[in-house]
Amino acid sequence: MTFEAYEAIVDESGYEARGRERQALSLGIDRLERIQKGRFNLEDLVESLLYVRRLWTIFIEDLGNPENGLPEKLRADIISIGLWVIKEADRLREEKSNDVMQLIEINRLIRDALR
């Protein structure tokens, strides 16, 4: 295998990973939009917020890995966003907040940046 072929595979796998991340974020956004529109029961609310929380926990763990290829400053910034998302999801689940729109918007921004 030549270096160029290897580089193409690595680039393609990164593209595929970003695609999976976009899909996961889109699913979270769909769930949050159902909450915003009032189309949920208590179990849906908890499951949706826990999904978003778990997703961002996975992102944070990956970003915290020194082998992650993103620049350190960018990783730190996204980790900060992720910690905020987790905190806000917990606040919604604990009924300390009812503002789902902020979570939807930040998840959209991150998802759209992955293109």
N, C-alpha and C. Protein backbone atom coordinates (compact mmCIF):
# COMPACT_ATOMS: atom_id res chain seq x y z
N MET A 1 0.86 -1.17 0.00
CA MET A 1 0.00 0.00 0.00
C MET A 1 0.90 1.23 0.00
N THR A 2 0.61 2.16 -0.90
CA THR A 2 1.39 3.39 -0.95
C THR A 2 0.91 4.35 0.11
N PHE A 3 1.75 5.34 0.40
CA PHE A 3 1.37 6.35 1.38
C PHE A 3 0.11 7.09 0.94
N GLU A 4 0.00 7.38 -0.36
CA GLU A 4 -1.16 8.11 -0.87
C GLU A 4 -2.44 7.30 -0.65
N ALA A 5 -2.37 6.00 -0.88
CA ALA A 5 -3.54 5.15 -0.67
C ALA A 5 -3.92 5.12 0.81
N TYR A 6 -2.92 5.01 1.68
CA TYR A 6 -3.19 5.01 3.12
C TYR A 6 -3.82 6.34 3.53
N GLU A 7 -3.26 7.44 3.03
CA GLU A 7 -3.78 8.76 3.36
C GLU A 7 -5.24 8.90 2.91
N ALA A 8 -5.58 8.37 1.75
CA ALA A 8 -6.95 8.42 1.26
C ALA A 8 -7.89 7.65 2.18
N ILE A 9 -7.45 6.49 2.66
CA ILE A 9 -8.27 5.69 3.57
C ILE A 9 -8.48 6.44 4.88
N VAL A 10 -7.43 7.04 5.41
CA VAL A 10 -7.54 7.79 6.66
C VAL A 10 -8.48 8.98 6.48
N ASP A 11 -8.32 9.70 5.37
CA ASP A 11 -9.20 10.85 5.12
C ASP A 11 -10.65 10.40 5.00
N GLU A 12 -10.88 9.28 4.29
CA GLU A 12 -12.22 8.76 4.11
C GLU A 12 -12.81 8.31 5.44
N SER A 13 -12.02 7.65 6.28
CA SER A 13 -12.54 7.18 7.56
C SER A 13 -12.88 8.37 8.46
N GLY A 14 -12.11 9.46 8.36
CA GLY A 14 -12.44 10.66 9.11
C GLY A 14 -13.75 11.26 8.63
N TYR A 15 -13.96 11.24 7.33
CA TYR A 15 -15.20 11.74 6.76
C TYR A 15 -16.38 10.90 7.24
N GLU A 16 -16.20 9.58 7.24
CA GLU A 16 -17.25 8.68 7.70
C GLU A 16 -17.55 8.90 9.18
N ALA A 17 -16.51 9.12 9.97
CA ALA A 17 -16.70 9.37 11.41
C ALA A 17 -17.50 10.65 11.61
N ARG A 18 -17.16 11.70 10.87
CA ARG A 18 -17.91 12.95 10.98
C ARG A 18 -19.37 12.74 10.57
N GLY A 19 -19.58 11.89 9.57
CA GLY A 19 -20.95 11.59 9.15
C GLY A 19 -21.74 10.91 10.26
N ARG A 20 -21.09 9.97 10.94
CA ARG A 20 -21.77 9.29 12.06
C ARG A 20 -22.03 10.28 13.20
N GLU A 21 -21.09 11.17 13.44
CA GLU A 21 -21.30 12.18 14.49
C GLU A 21 -22.46 13.11 14.11
N ARG A 22 -22.54 13.50 12.84
CA ARG A 22 -23.66 14.34 12.39
C ARG A 22 -24.98 13.61 12.58
N GLN A 23 -25.02 12.32 12.24
CA GLN A 23 -26.24 11.54 12.40
C GLN A 23 -26.65 11.46 13.88
N ALA A 24 -25.68 11.22 14.73
CA ALA A 24 -25.98 11.12 16.17
C ALA A 24 -26.50 12.45 16.71
N LEU A 25 -25.87 13.55 16.29
CA LEU A 25 -26.34 14.87 16.70
C LEU A 25 -27.73 15.15 16.15
N SER A 26 -27.99 14.76 14.91
CA SER A 26 -29.32 14.97 14.31
C SER A 26 -30.39 14.22 15.09
N LEU A 27 -30.09 13.01 15.50
CA LEU A 27 -31.05 12.25 16.31
C LEU A 27 -31.32 12.97 17.63
N GLY A 28 -30.26 13.46 18.27
CA GLY A 28 -30.44 14.22 19.51
C GLY A 28 -31.27 15.48 19.29
N ILE A 29 -31.01 16.17 18.19
CA ILE A 29 -31.77 17.39 17.86
C ILE A 29 -33.24 17.05 17.65
N ASP A 30 -33.51 15.97 16.92
CA ASP A 30 -34.91 15.54 16.70
C ASP A 30 -35.61 15.29 18.03
N ARG A 31 -34.91 14.62 18.93
CA ARG A 31 -35.50 14.33 20.24
C ARG A 31 -35.75 15.61 21.02
N LEU A 32 -34.80 16.54 20.97
CA LEU A 32 -34.97 17.81 21.69
C LEU A 32 -36.10 18.64 21.08
N GLU A 33 -36.25 18.59 19.76
CA GLU A 33 -37.35 19.32 19.11
C GLU A 33 -38.71 18.77 19.52
N ARG A 34 -38.81 17.46 19.70
CA ARG A 34 -40.07 16.88 20.18
C ARG A 34 -40.39 17.40 21.58
N ILE A 35 -39.36 17.53 22.42
CA ILE A 35 -39.57 18.08 23.76
C ILE A 35 -40.06 19.52 23.65
N GLN A 36 -39.41 20.29 22.79
CA GLN A 36 -39.77 21.70 22.63
C GLN A 36 -41.23 21.85 22.18
N LYS A 37 -41.67 20.96 21.30
CA LYS A 37 -43.03 21.04 20.76
C LYS A 37 -44.07 20.42 21.69
N GLY A 38 -43.62 19.86 22.81
CA GLY A 38 -44.54 19.27 23.77
C GLY A 38 -45.04 17.90 23.39
N ARG A 39 -44.37 17.22 22.45
CA ARG A 39 -44.79 15.90 22.00
C ARG A 39 -43.98 14.82 22.71
N PHE A 40 -44.21 14.68 23.99
CA PHE A 40 -43.45 13.70 24.75
C PHE A 40 -44.19 13.37 26.03
N ASN A 41 -43.85 12.22 26.57
CA ASN A 41 -44.28 11.90 27.92
C ASN A 41 -43.04 11.96 28.80
N LEU A 42 -43.18 11.75 30.06
CA LEU A 42 -42.05 11.86 30.98
C LEU A 42 -40.92 10.91 30.61
N GLU A 43 -41.26 9.69 30.22
CA GLU A 43 -40.23 8.72 29.84
C GLU A 43 -39.46 9.20 28.61
N ASP A 44 -40.18 9.75 27.61
CA ASP A 44 -39.51 10.30 26.42
C ASP A 44 -38.58 11.43 26.79
N LEU A 45 -39.03 12.29 27.69
CA LEU A 45 -38.21 13.42 28.12
C LEU A 45 -36.90 12.93 28.72
N VAL A 46 -37.00 12.01 29.66
CA VAL A 46 -35.81 11.50 30.33
C VAL A 46 -34.90 10.78 29.34
N GLU A 47 -35.46 9.92 28.49
CA GLU A 47 -34.65 9.19 27.51
C GLU A 47 -33.94 10.14 26.55
N SER A 48 -34.65 11.17 26.10
CA SER A 48 -34.06 12.12 25.15
C SER A 48 -32.91 12.89 25.78
N LEU A 49 -33.11 13.35 26.99
CA LEU A 49 -32.07 14.12 27.67
C LEU A 49 -30.87 13.24 28.02
N LEU A 50 -31.14 11.99 28.40
CA LEU A 50 -30.04 11.08 28.69
C LEU A 50 -29.28 10.72 27.41
N TYR A 51 -29.98 10.63 26.28
CA TYR A 51 -29.31 10.38 25.00
C TYR A 51 -28.32 11.50 24.70
N VAL A 52 -28.78 12.74 24.82
CA VAL A 52 -27.93 13.90 24.56
C VAL A 52 -26.75 13.92 25.52
N ARG A 53 -27.02 13.61 26.76
CA ARG A 53 -25.96 13.58 27.78
C ARG A 53 -24.91 12.51 27.45
N ARG A 54 -25.36 11.31 27.11
CA ARG A 54 -24.43 10.23 26.77
C ARG A 54 -23.62 10.56 25.52
N LEU A 55 -24.29 11.12 24.53
CA LEU A 55 -23.60 11.49 23.29
C LEU A 55 -22.47 12.47 23.57
N TRP A 56 -22.75 13.49 24.34
CA TRP A 56 -21.71 14.48 24.64
C TRP A 56 -20.64 13.92 25.57
N THR A 57 -20.99 12.98 26.41
CA THR A 57 -19.98 12.33 27.25
C THR A 57 -19.00 11.57 26.36
N ILE A 58 -19.51 10.90 25.34
CA ILE A 58 -18.64 10.19 24.39
C ILE A 58 -17.74 11.17 23.66
N PHE A 59 -18.32 12.29 23.19
CA PHE A 59 -17.52 13.30 22.50
C PHE A 59 -16.41 13.83 23.41
N ILE A 60 -16.75 14.14 24.64
CA ILE A 60 -15.78 14.70 25.58
C ILE A 60 -14.65 13.70 25.85
N GLU A 61 -15.01 12.43 26.04
CA GLU A 61 -13.97 11.41 26.26
C GLU A 61 -13.04 11.33 25.07
N ASP A 62 -13.59 11.36 23.86
CA ASP A 62 -12.76 11.29 22.66
C ASP A 62 -11.88 12.54 22.54
N LEU A 63 -12.44 13.69 22.81
CA LEU A 63 -11.68 14.94 22.71
C LEU A 63 -10.59 15.03 23.77
N GLY A 64 -10.80 14.38 24.89
CA GLY A 64 -9.81 14.39 25.96
C GLY A 64 -8.63 13.46 25.71
N ASN A 65 -8.76 12.61 24.71
CA ASN A 65 -7.69 11.68 24.37
C ASN A 65 -6.57 12.45 23.66
N PRO A 66 -5.33 12.38 24.17
CA PRO A 66 -4.22 13.10 23.55
C PRO A 66 -3.96 12.69 22.10
N GLU A 67 -4.44 11.52 21.70
CA GLU A 67 -4.25 11.07 20.33
C GLU A 67 -5.29 11.62 19.36
N ASN A 68 -6.28 12.36 19.90
CA ASN A 68 -7.27 13.00 19.04
C ASN A 68 -6.54 13.99 18.13
N GLY A 69 -6.86 13.98 16.85
CA GLY A 69 -6.11 14.77 15.88
C GLY A 69 -6.45 16.24 15.82
N LEU A 70 -7.46 16.69 16.54
CA LEU A 70 -7.82 18.10 16.49
C LEU A 70 -6.82 18.94 17.29
N PRO A 71 -6.68 20.21 16.92
CA PRO A 71 -5.80 21.10 17.70
C PRO A 71 -6.29 21.20 19.15
N GLU A 72 -5.33 21.31 20.05
CA GLU A 72 -5.64 21.31 21.48
C GLU A 72 -6.65 22.39 21.87
N LYS A 73 -6.51 23.59 21.34
CA LYS A 73 -7.42 24.70 21.68
C LYS A 73 -8.84 24.37 21.23
N LEU A 74 -8.98 23.85 20.03
CA LEU A 74 -10.31 23.48 19.52
C LEU A 74 -10.92 22.38 20.38
N ARG A 75 -10.12 21.39 20.73
CA ARG A 75 -10.62 20.31 21.60
C ARG A 75 -11.11 20.88 22.91
N ALA A 76 -10.33 21.78 23.50
CA ALA A 76 -10.72 22.38 24.79
C ALA A 76 -12.02 23.17 24.65
N ASP A 77 -12.17 23.89 23.56
CA ASP A 77 -13.39 24.67 23.34
C ASP A 77 -14.61 23.76 23.20
N ILE A 78 -14.46 22.67 22.45
CA ILE A 78 -15.59 21.76 22.26
C ILE A 78 -15.90 21.02 23.56
N ILE A 79 -14.90 20.69 24.33
CA ILE A 79 -15.13 20.07 25.64
C ILE A 79 -15.93 21.02 26.52
N SER A 80 -15.60 22.30 26.51
CA SER A 80 -16.35 23.28 27.30
C SER A 80 -17.81 23.33 26.87
N ILE A 81 -18.03 23.31 25.57
CA ILE A 81 -19.40 23.29 25.05
C ILE A 81 -20.11 22.02 25.52
N GLY A 82 -19.43 20.90 25.43
CA GLY A 82 -20.01 19.63 25.85
C GLY A 82 -20.39 19.61 27.33
N LEU A 83 -19.54 20.18 28.16
CA LEU A 83 -19.85 20.24 29.59
C LEU A 83 -21.08 21.10 29.84
N TRP A 84 -21.20 22.19 29.08
CA TRP A 84 -22.38 23.05 29.19
C TRP A 84 -23.63 22.28 28.76
N VAL A 85 -23.54 21.54 27.63
CA VAL A 85 -24.69 20.77 27.13
C VAL A 85 -25.14 19.77 28.19
N ILE A 86 -24.19 19.05 28.78
CA ILE A 86 -24.53 18.06 29.81
C ILE A 86 -25.21 18.74 30.99
N LYS A 87 -24.66 19.86 31.42
CA LYS A 87 -25.24 20.59 32.56
C LYS A 87 -26.66 21.05 32.24
N GLU A 88 -26.88 21.57 31.05
CA GLU A 88 -28.22 22.05 30.67
C GLU A 88 -29.20 20.89 30.53
N ALA A 89 -28.75 19.77 29.98
CA ALA A 89 -29.62 18.60 29.88
C ALA A 89 -30.03 18.13 31.28
N ASP A 90 -29.09 18.14 32.20
CA ASP A 90 -29.41 17.76 33.59
C ASP A 90 -30.38 18.75 34.22
N ARG A 91 -30.19 20.03 33.95
CA ARG A 91 -31.11 21.05 34.50
C ARG A 91 -32.53 20.84 33.97
N LEU A 92 -32.65 20.51 32.69
CA LEU A 92 -33.97 20.25 32.12
C LEU A 92 -34.59 19.00 32.74
N ARG A 93 -33.79 17.96 32.87
CA ARG A 93 -34.29 16.70 33.44
C ARG A 93 -34.74 16.91 34.88
N GLU A 94 -34.04 17.75 35.61
CA GLU A 94 -34.37 18.02 37.02
C GLU A 94 -35.41 19.13 37.16
N GLU A 95 -35.95 19.60 36.02
CA GLU A 95 -36.96 20.65 35.97
C GLU A 95 -36.48 21.96 36.59
N LYS A 96 -35.18 22.24 36.49
CA LYS A 96 -34.62 23.51 36.95
C LYS A 96 -34.56 24.51 35.80
N SER A 97 -34.92 24.05 34.62
CA SER A 97 -34.96 24.88 33.42
C SER A 97 -36.02 24.31 32.49
N ASN A 98 -36.52 25.15 31.60
CA ASN A 98 -37.45 24.65 30.57
C ASN A 98 -37.07 25.18 29.19
N ASP A 99 -35.84 25.66 29.04
CA ASP A 99 -35.36 26.24 27.80
C ASP A 99 -34.60 25.20 26.97
N VAL A 100 -35.34 24.50 26.13
CA VAL A 100 -34.76 23.46 25.29
C VAL A 100 -34.09 24.08 24.06
N MET A 101 -34.54 25.27 23.66
CA MET A 101 -34.07 25.89 22.43
C MET A 101 -32.56 26.09 22.42
N GLN A 102 -31.98 26.47 23.53
CA GLN A 102 -30.53 26.66 23.58
C GLN A 102 -29.79 25.36 23.28
N LEU A 103 -30.28 24.26 23.81
CA LEU A 103 -29.65 22.96 23.54
C LEU A 103 -29.79 22.60 22.06
N ILE A 104 -30.95 22.86 21.51
CA ILE A 104 -31.17 22.57 20.09
C ILE A 104 -30.20 23.38 19.24
N GLU A 105 -30.09 24.66 19.52
CA GLU A 105 -29.24 25.54 18.71
C GLU A 105 -27.76 25.15 18.79
N ILE A 106 -27.26 24.88 19.96
CA ILE A 106 -25.83 24.54 20.07
C ILE A 106 -25.54 23.21 19.39
N ASN A 107 -26.46 22.25 19.50
CA ASN A 107 -26.27 20.97 18.82
C ASN A 107 -26.34 21.15 17.30
N ARG A 108 -27.20 22.02 16.83
CA ARG A 108 -27.25 22.31 15.39
C ARG A 108 -25.94 22.94 14.91
N LEU A 109 -25.44 23.89 15.67
CA LEU A 109 -24.19 24.56 15.29
C LEU A 109 -23.04 23.56 15.18
N ILE A 110 -22.94 22.68 16.16
CA ILE A 110 -21.87 21.69 16.14
C ILE A 110 -22.07 20.72 14.98
N ARG A 111 -23.30 20.23 14.83
CA ARG A 111 -23.58 19.30 13.73
C ARG A 111 -23.23 19.92 12.37
N ASP A 112 -23.66 21.16 12.17
CA ASP A 112 -23.43 21.81 10.88
C ASP A 112 -21.95 22.11 10.65
N ALA A 113 -21.19 22.27 11.72
CA ALA A 113 -19.75 22.52 11.58
C ALA A 113 -19.01 21.26 11.15
N LEU A 114 -19.63 20.10 11.29
CA LEU A 114 -19.00 18.84 10.92
C LEU A 114 -19.06 18.55 9.42
N ARG A 115 -19.67 19.42 8.65
CA ARG A 115 -19.77 19.21 7.19
C ARG A 115 -18.49 19.47 6.49
